[in-house]
Structure formats: C-alpha cells, structure tokens
Amino acid sequence: MKVVVIIPAAGLGTRMTSASRVRAKRPAPSKQFTELGGTPILIHTLRKFAASPRVSEIFVALRRDEMVGFRELLEAEAKDILRKRVELVEGGEHRQHSVANALAAVSAGAGDIILVHDAVRPFVTTEIIDDVIRGAEKHGAAIAGMPAVDTVKQVERTADGALITSTVPRERVVMAQTPQGFRYEILKKAFDEAAADGFIGTDEASLIERSGREVAVVMGSARNLKITTPADMELAEFYLRQQEKKVS
C-alpha cells in the first residue's frame, strides 16, 4: 500500500491581500506563496509531507503560469522535498477541480491511500498525518478535526441579516481540518459521481458523505491552522518561531 498526497494550490487567496497593497495597487502573491519566515508557505507545507516516511508521492496542483517557476524554486531551494516524487499538475477553477486533475494523474491501486491537504496549513504534524492514514486504512475515509469550542448557532439568512433558528449542541460539531484521507477507490468514485451531477462540495469529505460513505474523524490540532487572513499570518509567524526554537 502506498500513500499519495495531493496539495491543491491553484487558489488566489484574496483574503490575504493587505490594505496597503490595495492602496498601492501592487499585485499580492497567491497566499500559498506568501513568505513565512522567508520561505513560501507552500514550501513549509510540502516539507511536512516530504519528511513523512509513510508518504510515497506528492502531487501539487498549481495555476499553469506558476508551474515552471515553482519547479525551479524546488530545485534551487528545496531539494529536500524532491527526495520524494513530486509531480506538478494544472489546477482548476475550484479546489475540487484541482484535486480531480491531480487524482486523474495519480497511478494508484484500489486500497492505496490518498491524502488531500490545504496548501496553507504548514503546521500539520507527523502524528496527525499518521493518524489520518490509519483512519483511512481502517474506515476507508478519515479527516483531521477539532471539537467546537464556541457555541454554534444555526441561522436563517434574511434581508435584514441573520436570525438564529436553533443552537447546535457542541458535542455534535467538529471543525474540519486537513489532511483528509481516503482509499483511492472510494475517493475516485465520489469524485466521478460529483462530476457527473455537476456537484461542488466544500471539501473532499463532503463528496464522500454524498456518496453514502461514513467518514471517521481523528484529532487534529489548534496549531494546524489554515492561513487565510493577515491575522492568521501573525499567529503563524509566532508558531514558526516556537517551532524553530524546538529544532535549535
């Protein structure tokens, strides 16, 4: 059995654009290429999977005009990542399309494990990766997730704003993270069904659920954050400093 990682990294990440860049009309880099400690976030993320002995191959979905430059970046500054087989594929308009393109390029057996991970979650740990792999091996589908801390309200959207319709018990709520792991045959079937129906899900697990399969949840981490806003970036810089202190 092999483990293949897919990293969809073709998004624009407009929420990371700072007000100063907007005023100066300077193009902001895609959030996955924003530098964290002098290194693109995507490189940090890839290093976590390249360091995992369980991972065999990594597929990165990028915009077409970024593929050549990123390969050159890997060869110049991240040869440690290239110890694994790393393939670059063209991404699509939506995350789901990017993952589908990568999935189409993967050569895998029915029982092989496919992990899908956000390009901008650079603090995923080996423990989380291993737990998701084991969960996918056992259940066919598993994701990392965290119990909800805040009270969760279900609302109805109206012209005047949102109105609360009920309170959802926190013990029934999980905040989904990545990686999300699946046996290849299960993920491929769910993607094929979604494509045939023109359905776009919020994440890979939503396609599996729609396909009628159960998805297990393993414990994620509050540090396994998705860097989406400038405030997230500030927290990520703090985590990186702590991570570097532990290494040194």
C-alpha atoms as a PDB file:
ATOM      1  CA  MET A   1       0.000   0.000   0.000  1.00  0.00           C
ATOM      2  CA  LYS A   2       1.274   3.456  -0.851  1.00  0.00           C
ATOM      3  CA  VAL A   3       0.264   6.912   0.323  1.00  0.00           C
ATOM      4  CA  VAL A   4      -0.118   9.734  -2.194  1.00  0.00           C
ATOM      5  CA  VAL A   5      -0.561  13.355  -1.131  1.00  0.00           C
ATOM      6  CA  ILE A   6      -2.492  15.911  -3.187  1.00  0.00           C
ATOM      7  CA  ILE A   7      -1.967  19.603  -2.417  1.00  0.00           C
ATOM      8  CA  PRO A   8      -4.436  21.907  -4.228  1.00  0.00           C
ATOM      9  CA  ALA A   9      -2.516  25.187  -4.569  1.00  0.00           C
ATOM     10  CA  ALA A  10      -4.134  26.985  -7.504  1.00  0.00           C
ATOM     11  CA  GLY A  11      -6.209  29.468  -5.490  1.00  0.00           C
ATOM     12  CA  LEU A  12      -5.737  33.227  -5.421  1.00  0.00           C
ATOM     13  CA  GLY A  13      -6.239  33.724  -1.679  1.00  0.00           C
ATOM     14  CA  THR A  14      -7.734  37.197  -1.964  1.00  0.00           C
ATOM     15  CA  ARG A  15      -8.401  37.479   1.782  1.00  0.00           C
ATOM     16  CA  MET A  16      -4.637  37.651   2.379  1.00  0.00           C
ATOM     17  CA  THR A  17      -4.345  40.892   0.393  1.00  0.00           C
ATOM     18  CA  SER A  18      -3.376  43.702   2.744  1.00  0.00           C
ATOM     19  CA  ALA A  19      -4.933  47.149   2.656  1.00  0.00           C
ATOM     20  CA  SER A  20      -1.541  48.707   1.903  1.00  0.00           C
ATOM     21  CA  ARG A  21      -1.120  46.561  -1.216  1.00  0.00           C
ATOM     22  CA  VAL A  22      -4.599  47.511  -2.381  1.00  0.00           C
ATOM     23  CA  ARG A  23      -3.857  51.214  -1.954  1.00  0.00           C
ATOM     24  CA  ALA A  24      -0.529  50.857  -3.744  1.00  0.00           C
ATOM     25  CA  LYS A  25      -2.141  48.732  -6.460  1.00  0.00           C
ATOM     26  CA  ARG A  26       0.676  46.196  -6.141  1.00  0.00           C
ATOM     27  CA  PRO A  27      -0.176  42.608  -7.043  1.00  0.00           C
ATOM     28  CA  ALA A  28      -0.139  40.381  -3.981  1.00  0.00           C
ATOM     29  CA  PRO A  29       1.323  36.892  -4.266  1.00  0.00           C
ATOM     30  CA  SER A  30      -1.063  33.969  -4.001  1.00  0.00           C
ATOM     31  CA  LYS A  31      -1.373  33.199  -0.295  1.00  0.00           C
ATOM     32  CA  GLN A  32       0.399  29.843  -0.681  1.00  0.00           C
ATOM     33  CA  PHE A  33       3.439  31.754  -1.999  1.00  0.00           C
ATOM     34  CA  THR A  34       3.381  34.391   0.730  1.00  0.00           C
ATOM     35  CA  GLU A  35       6.619  34.103   2.659  1.00  0.00           C
ATOM     36  CA  LEU A  36       6.583  32.820   6.222  1.00  0.00           C
ATOM     37  CA  GLY A  37       9.985  33.296   7.831  1.00  0.00           C
ATOM     38  CA  GLY A  38      11.479  33.983   4.411  1.00  0.00           C
ATOM     39  CA  THR A  39      10.088  30.806   2.832  1.00  0.00           C
ATOM     40  CA  PRO A  40       6.807  30.385   0.881  1.00  0.00           C
ATOM     41  CA  ILE A  41       4.045  28.825   2.973  1.00  0.00           C
ATOM     42  CA  LEU A  42       3.616  26.079   0.379  1.00  0.00           C
ATOM     43  CA  ILE A  43       7.257  25.002   0.840  1.00  0.00           C
ATOM     44  CA  HIS A  44       6.741  24.733   4.606  1.00  0.00           C
ATOM     45  CA  THR A  45       3.680  22.567   3.983  1.00  0.00           C
ATOM     46  CA  LEU A  46       5.392  20.301   1.468  1.00  0.00           C
ATOM     47  CA  ARG A  47       8.315  19.735   3.830  1.00  0.00           C
ATOM     48  CA  LYS A  48       5.977  18.206   6.416  1.00  0.00           C
ATOM     49  CA  PHE A  49       4.812  15.552   3.961  1.00  0.00           C
ATOM     50  CA  ALA A  50       8.235  15.033   2.393  1.00  0.00           C
ATOM     51  CA  ALA A  51       9.532  14.220   5.892  1.00  0.00           C
ATOM     52  CA  SER A  52       6.879  11.546   6.470  1.00  0.00           C
ATOM     53  CA  PRO A  53       8.224   8.021   5.867  1.00  0.00           C
ATOM     54  CA  ARG A  54       4.691   6.891   5.003  1.00  0.00           C
ATOM     55  CA  VAL A  55       4.302   9.256   2.044  1.00  0.00           C
ATOM     56  CA  SER A  56       5.408   7.938  -1.359  1.00  0.00           C
ATOM     57  CA  GLU A  57       4.386  10.673  -3.805  1.00  0.00           C
ATOM     58  CA  ILE A  58       3.208  14.284  -3.727  1.00  0.00           C
ATOM     59  CA  PHE A  59       1.049  15.953  -6.403  1.00  0.00           C
ATOM     60  CA  VAL A  60       0.750  19.746  -6.337  1.00  0.00           C
ATOM     61  CA  ALA A  61      -1.996  21.451  -8.377  1.00  0.00           C
ATOM     62  CA  LEU A  62      -0.939  24.935  -9.494  1.00  0.00           C
ATOM     63  CA  ARG A  63      -2.031  27.579 -11.953  1.00  0.00           C
ATOM     64  CA  ARG A  64      -0.437  26.923 -15.327  1.00  0.00           C
ATOM     65  CA  ASP A  65       1.706  30.063 -15.285  1.00  0.00           C
ATOM     66  CA  GLU A  66       3.181  29.124 -11.891  1.00  0.00           C
ATOM     67  CA  MET A  67       4.264  25.555 -12.647  1.00  0.00           C
ATOM     68  CA  VAL A  68       7.645  26.188 -14.278  1.00  0.00           C
ATOM     69  CA  GLY A  69       8.677  28.779 -11.718  1.00  0.00           C
ATOM     70  CA  PHE A  70       7.698  26.546  -8.821  1.00  0.00           C
ATOM     71  CA  ARG A  71       9.663  23.586 -10.184  1.00  0.00           C
ATOM     72  CA  GLU A  72      12.693  25.873 -10.440  1.00  0.00           C
ATOM     73  CA  LEU A  73      12.114  27.031  -6.858  1.00  0.00           C
ATOM     74  CA  LEU A  74      12.027  23.441  -5.617  1.00  0.00           C
ATOM     75  CA  GLU A  75      15.214  22.558  -7.447  1.00  0.00           C
ATOM     76  CA  ALA A  76      17.038  25.678  -6.240  1.00  0.00           C
ATOM     77  CA  GLU A  77      15.869  25.989  -2.635  1.00  0.00           C
ATOM     78  CA  ALA A  78      14.014  22.832  -1.554  1.00  0.00           C
ATOM     79  CA  LYS A  79      15.846  19.787  -2.827  1.00  0.00           C
ATOM     80  CA  ASP A  80      14.933  18.032   0.424  1.00  0.00           C
ATOM     81  CA  ILE A  81      11.315  17.927  -0.817  1.00  0.00           C
ATOM     82  CA  LEU A  82      12.426  16.367  -4.105  1.00  0.00           C
ATOM     83  CA  ARG A  83      13.659  13.278  -2.262  1.00  0.00           C
ATOM     84  CA  LYS A  84      10.050  12.242  -2.746  1.00  0.00           C
ATOM     85  CA  ARG A  85       8.455  12.006  -6.165  1.00  0.00           C
ATOM     86  CA  VAL A  86       6.844  15.415  -6.679  1.00  0.00           C
ATOM     87  CA  GLU A  87       4.536  15.986  -9.654  1.00  0.00           C
ATOM     88  CA  LEU A  88       3.061  19.342 -10.655  1.00  0.00           C
ATOM     89  CA  VAL A  89      -0.340  19.344 -12.358  1.00  0.00           C
ATOM     90  CA  GLU A  90      -2.523  22.144 -13.643  1.00  0.00           C
ATOM     91  CA  GLY A  91      -5.182  23.228 -11.200  1.00  0.00           C
ATOM     92  CA  GLY A  92      -8.771  24.139 -11.948  1.00  0.00           C
ATOM     93  CA  GLU A  93     -11.232  26.920 -11.260  1.00  0.00           C
ATOM     94  CA  HIS A  94     -12.307  25.396  -7.947  1.00  0.00           C
ATOM     95  CA  ARG A  95     -10.443  23.350  -5.349  1.00  0.00           C
ATOM     96  CA  GLN A  96     -12.498  20.317  -6.359  1.00  0.00           C
ATOM     97  CA  HIS A  97     -11.356  20.669  -9.969  1.00  0.00           C
ATOM     98  CA  SER A  98      -7.727  20.943  -8.854  1.00  0.00           C
ATOM     99  CA  VAL A  99      -7.983  17.791  -6.752  1.00  0.00           C
ATOM    100  CA  ALA A 100      -9.771  15.993  -9.610  1.00  0.00           C
ATOM    101  CA  ASN A 101      -6.965  16.937 -12.026  1.00  0.00           C
ATOM    102  CA  ALA A 102      -4.358  15.623  -9.616  1.00  0.00           C
ATOM    103  CA  LEU A 103      -6.387  12.489  -8.951  1.00  0.00           C
ATOM    104  CA  ALA A 104      -6.533  11.821 -12.688  1.00  0.00           C
ATOM    105  CA  ALA A 105      -2.725  11.943 -12.821  1.00  0.00           C
ATOM    106  CA  VAL A 106      -2.258   9.540  -9.906  1.00  0.00           C
ATOM    107  CA  SER A 107      -1.496   5.887 -10.546  1.00  0.00           C
ATOM    108  CA  ALA A 108      -2.874   4.024  -7.542  1.00  0.00           C
ATOM    109  CA  GLY A 109      -4.423   0.742  -6.532  1.00  0.00           C
ATOM    110  CA  ALA A 110      -7.905   0.475  -5.046  1.00  0.00           C
ATOM    111  CA  GLY A 111      -6.603   0.219  -1.477  1.00  0.00           C
ATOM    112  CA  ASP A 112      -3.889   2.876  -1.718  1.00  0.00           C
ATOM    113  CA  ILE A 113      -4.411   5.965   0.427  1.00  0.00           C
ATOM    114  CA  ILE A 114      -4.893   9.451  -0.996  1.00  0.00           C
ATOM    115  CA  LEU A 115      -4.350  12.380   1.368  1.00  0.00           C
ATOM    116  CA  VAL A 116      -5.618  15.836   0.419  1.00  0.00           C
ATOM    117  CA  HIS A 117      -4.168  18.754   2.368  1.00  0.00           C
ATOM    118  CA  ASP A 118      -4.587  22.532   2.256  1.00  0.00           C
ATOM    119  CA  ALA A 119      -1.540  24.290   0.807  1.00  0.00           C
ATOM    120  CA  VAL A 120      -1.674  26.845   3.619  1.00  0.00           C
ATOM    121  CA  ARG A 121      -1.732  24.519   6.636  1.00  0.00           C
ATOM    122  CA  PRO A 122       2.043  24.402   7.237  1.00  0.00           C
ATOM    123  CA  PHE A 123       1.947  23.261  10.866  1.00  0.00           C
ATOM    124  CA  VAL A 124       0.458  19.808  10.332  1.00  0.00           C
ATOM    125  CA  THR A 125       2.369  17.245  12.384  1.00  0.00           C
ATOM    126  CA  THR A 126       3.666  13.770  11.629  1.00  0.00           C
ATOM    127  CA  GLU A 127       1.265  12.462  14.284  1.00  0.00           C
ATOM    128  CA  ILE A 128      -1.773  13.967  12.563  1.00  0.00           C
ATOM    129  CA  ILE A 129      -0.629  12.672   9.164  1.00  0.00           C
ATOM    130  CA  ASP A 130      -0.119   9.167  10.565  1.00  0.00           C
ATOM    131  CA  ASP A 131      -3.456   9.207  12.419  1.00  0.00           C
ATOM    132  CA  VAL A 132      -5.361  10.200   9.275  1.00  0.00           C
ATOM    133  CA  ILE A 133      -3.612   7.473   7.268  1.00  0.00           C
ATOM    134  CA  ARG A 134      -4.515   4.865   9.891  1.00  0.00           C
ATOM    135  CA  GLY A 135      -8.096   6.165   9.995  1.00  0.00           C
ATOM    136  CA  ALA A 136      -8.399   5.894   6.214  1.00  0.00           C
ATOM    137  CA  GLU A 137      -6.930   2.394   6.254  1.00  0.00           C
ATOM    138  CA  LYS A 138      -9.442   1.288   8.882  1.00  0.00           C
ATOM    139  CA  HIS A 139     -12.588   3.132   7.808  1.00  0.00           C
ATOM    140  CA  GLY A 140     -11.940   3.960   4.156  1.00  0.00           C
ATOM    141  CA  ALA A 141     -12.261   7.696   4.838  1.00  0.00           C
ATOM    142  CA  ALA A 142     -10.968   9.894   7.660  1.00  0.00           C
ATOM    143  CA  ILE A 143     -10.272  13.544   8.330  1.00  0.00           C
ATOM    144  CA  ALA A 144      -8.494  15.561  10.993  1.00  0.00           C
ATOM    145  CA  GLY A 145     -10.859  17.686  13.040  1.00  0.00           C
ATOM    146  CA  MET A 146     -11.244  19.634  16.258  1.00  0.00           C
ATOM    147  CA  PRO A 147     -14.177  19.784  18.684  1.00  0.00           C
ATOM    148  CA  ALA A 148     -16.048  23.085  18.564  1.00  0.00           C
ATOM    149  CA  VAL A 149     -15.132  25.480  21.378  1.00  0.00           C
ATOM    150  CA  ASP A 150     -17.613  28.285  20.730  1.00  0.00           C
ATOM    151  CA  THR A 151     -21.374  27.918  20.914  1.00  0.00           C
ATOM    152  CA  VAL A 152     -22.688  27.105  17.434  1.00  0.00           C
ATOM    153  CA  LYS A 153     -25.879  28.747  16.162  1.00  0.00           C
ATOM    154  CA  GLN A 154     -27.928  27.714  13.154  1.00  0.00           C
ATOM    155  CA  VAL A 155     -29.328  30.767  11.379  1.00  0.00           C
ATOM    156  CA  GLU A 156     -31.712  31.780   8.632  1.00  0.00           C
ATOM    157  CA  ARG A 157     -30.472  34.468   6.250  1.00  0.00           C
ATOM    158  CA  THR A 158     -32.942  37.303   5.694  1.00  0.00           C
ATOM    159  CA  ALA A 159     -32.860  40.704   4.021  1.00  0.00           C
ATOM    160  CA  ASP A 160     -32.273  42.240   7.464  1.00  0.00           C
ATOM    161  CA  GLY A 161     -29.427  39.893   8.372  1.00  0.00           C
ATOM    162  CA  ALA A 162     -29.112  36.513  10.055  1.00  0.00           C
ATOM    163  CA  LEU A 163     -31.707  35.261  12.533  1.00  0.00           C
ATOM    164  CA  ILE A 164     -30.938  32.397  14.922  1.00  0.00           C
ATOM    165  CA  THR A 165     -33.178  29.384  14.447  1.00  0.00           C
ATOM    166  CA  SER A 166     -31.523  26.965  16.890  1.00  0.00           C
ATOM    167  CA  THR A 167     -28.449  26.200  18.966  1.00  0.00           C
ATOM    168  CA  VAL A 168     -26.437  23.199  17.793  1.00  0.00           C
ATOM    169  CA  PRO A 169     -25.022  21.073  20.645  1.00  0.00           C
ATOM    170  CA  ARG A 170     -21.254  21.473  20.572  1.00  0.00           C
ATOM    171  CA  GLU A 171     -20.668  17.779  21.191  1.00  0.00           C
ATOM    172  CA  ARG A 172     -22.203  17.132  17.768  1.00  0.00           C
ATOM    173  CA  VAL A 173     -19.948  19.607  15.955  1.00  0.00           C
ATOM    174  CA  VAL A 174     -16.426  19.100  14.619  1.00  0.00           C
ATOM    175  CA  MET A 175     -14.342  21.795  12.911  1.00  0.00           C
ATOM    176  CA  ALA A 176     -12.892  20.053   9.861  1.00  0.00           C
ATOM    177  CA  GLN A 177      -9.195  20.308   9.078  1.00  0.00           C
ATOM    178  CA  THR A 178      -6.848  18.599   6.657  1.00  0.00           C
ATOM    179  CA  PRO A 179      -5.304  16.240   5.785  1.00  0.00           C
ATOM    180  CA  GLN A 180      -8.325  14.270   4.681  1.00  0.00           C
ATOM    181  CA  GLY A 181      -7.521  10.685   3.732  1.00  0.00           C
ATOM    182  CA  PHE A 182      -9.353   8.098   1.632  1.00  0.00           C
ATOM    183  CA  ARG A 183      -8.856   4.767  -0.028  1.00  0.00           C
ATOM    184  CA  TYR A 184      -8.333   5.545  -3.708  1.00  0.00           C
ATOM    185  CA  GLU A 185     -11.354   3.594  -4.967  1.00  0.00           C
ATOM    186  CA  ILE A 186     -13.690   5.420  -2.555  1.00  0.00           C
ATOM    187  CA  LEU A 187     -12.395   8.892  -3.402  1.00  0.00           C
ATOM    188  CA  LYS A 188     -12.372   8.256  -7.162  1.00  0.00           C
ATOM    189  CA  LYS A 189     -15.974   7.013  -7.089  1.00  0.00           C
ATOM    190  CA  ALA A 190     -17.147  10.043  -5.100  1.00  0.00           C
ATOM    191  CA  PHE A 191     -15.386  12.464  -7.471  1.00  0.00           C
ATOM    192  CA  ASP A 192     -16.783  10.729 -10.545  1.00  0.00           C
ATOM    193  CA  GLU A 193     -20.317  10.908  -9.123  1.00  0.00           C
ATOM    194  CA  ALA A 194     -19.946  14.594  -8.240  1.00  0.00           C
ATOM    195  CA  ALA A 195     -18.604  15.414 -11.707  1.00  0.00           C
ATOM    196  CA  ALA A 196     -21.483  13.563 -13.384  1.00  0.00           C
ATOM    197  CA  ASP A 197     -24.016  15.518 -11.318  1.00  0.00           C
ATOM    198  CA  GLY A 198     -22.256  18.885 -11.511  1.00  0.00           C
ATOM    199  CA  PHE A 199     -21.961  18.964  -7.716  1.00  0.00           C
ATOM    200  CA  ILE A 200     -19.327  21.114  -5.985  1.00  0.00           C
ATOM    201  CA  GLY A 201     -18.617  20.241  -2.365  1.00  0.00           C
ATOM    202  CA  THR A 202     -16.985  22.244   0.392  1.00  0.00           C
ATOM    203  CA  ASP A 203     -14.265  19.633   0.928  1.00  0.00           C
ATOM    204  CA  GLU A 204     -13.393  16.074  -0.091  1.00  0.00           C
ATOM    205  CA  ALA A 205     -15.239  14.578   2.865  1.00  0.00           C
ATOM    206  CA  SER A 206     -18.475  16.225   1.703  1.00  0.00           C
ATOM    207  CA  LEU A 207     -18.227  14.258  -1.558  1.00  0.00           C
ATOM    208  CA  ILE A 208     -17.674  11.023   0.345  1.00  0.00           C
ATOM    209  CA  GLU A 209     -20.680  11.760   2.571  1.00  0.00           C
ATOM    210  CA  ARG A 210     -22.774  12.478  -0.517  1.00  0.00           C
ATOM    211  CA  SER A 211     -21.664   9.132  -1.923  1.00  0.00           C
ATOM    212  CA  GLY A 212     -23.163   7.382   1.092  1.00  0.00           C
ATOM    213  CA  ARG A 213     -19.951   6.526   2.933  1.00  0.00           C
ATOM    214  CA  GLU A 214     -19.116   7.244   6.561  1.00  0.00           C
ATOM    215  CA  VAL A 215     -16.111   9.439   7.357  1.00  0.00           C
ATOM    216  CA  ALA A 216     -14.155   8.986  10.577  1.00  0.00           C
ATOM    217  CA  VAL A 217     -12.627  11.894  12.487  1.00  0.00           C
ATOM    218  CA  VAL A 218      -9.219  11.823  14.162  1.00  0.00           C
ATOM    219  CA  MET A 219      -7.912  14.510  16.464  1.00  0.00           C
ATOM    220  CA  GLY A 220      -6.363  17.496  14.756  1.00  0.00           C
ATOM    221  CA  SER A 221      -4.663  20.415  16.472  1.00  0.00           C
ATOM    222  CA  ALA A 222      -5.405  24.066  17.137  1.00  0.00           C
ATOM    223  CA  ARG A 223      -1.955  24.778  15.680  1.00  0.00           C
ATOM    224  CA  ASN A 224      -2.914  23.095  12.410  1.00  0.00           C
ATOM    225  CA  LEU A 225      -4.400  26.383  11.286  1.00  0.00           C
ATOM    226  CA  LYS A 226      -5.287  27.388   7.759  1.00  0.00           C
ATOM    227  CA  ILE A 227      -3.567  30.687   6.979  1.00  0.00           C
ATOM    228  CA  THR A 228      -6.320  32.727   5.367  1.00  0.00           C
ATOM    229  CA  THR A 229      -6.095  36.287   6.724  1.00  0.00           C
ATOM    230  CA  PRO A 230      -3.307  38.675   7.799  1.00  0.00           C
ATOM    231  CA  ALA A 231      -4.236  37.896  11.424  1.00  0.00           C
ATOM    232  CA  ASP A 232      -3.626  34.189  10.732  1.00  0.00           C
ATOM    233  CA  MET A 233      -0.222  35.150   9.332  1.00  0.00           C
ATOM    234  CA  GLU A 234       0.747  36.860  12.582  1.00  0.00           C
ATOM    235  CA  LEU A 235      -0.161  33.725  14.532  1.00  0.00           C
ATOM    236  CA  ALA A 236       1.721  31.559  12.024  1.00  0.00           C
ATOM    237  CA  GLU A 237       4.874  33.644  12.488  1.00  0.00           C
ATOM    238  CA  PHE A 238       4.596  33.069  16.246  1.00  0.00           C
ATOM    239  CA  TYR A 239       4.187  29.312  15.752  1.00  0.00           C
ATOM    240  CA  LEU A 240       7.152  29.250  13.377  1.00  0.00           C
ATOM    241  CA  ARG A 241       9.405  30.970  15.921  1.00  0.00           C
ATOM    242  CA  GLN A 242       8.388  28.391  18.517  1.00  0.00           C
ATOM    243  CA  GLN A 243       8.975  25.549  16.059  1.00  0.00           C
ATOM    244  CA  GLU A 244      12.453  26.858  15.194  1.00  0.00           C
ATOM    245  CA  LYS A 245      13.358  27.145  18.911  1.00  0.00           C
ATOM    246  CA  LYS A 246      12.494  23.479  19.440  1.00  0.00           C
ATOM    247  CA  VAL A 247      14.667  22.443  16.488  1.00  0.00           C
ATOM    248  CA  SER A 248      17.626  24.509  17.678  1.00  0.00           C
END
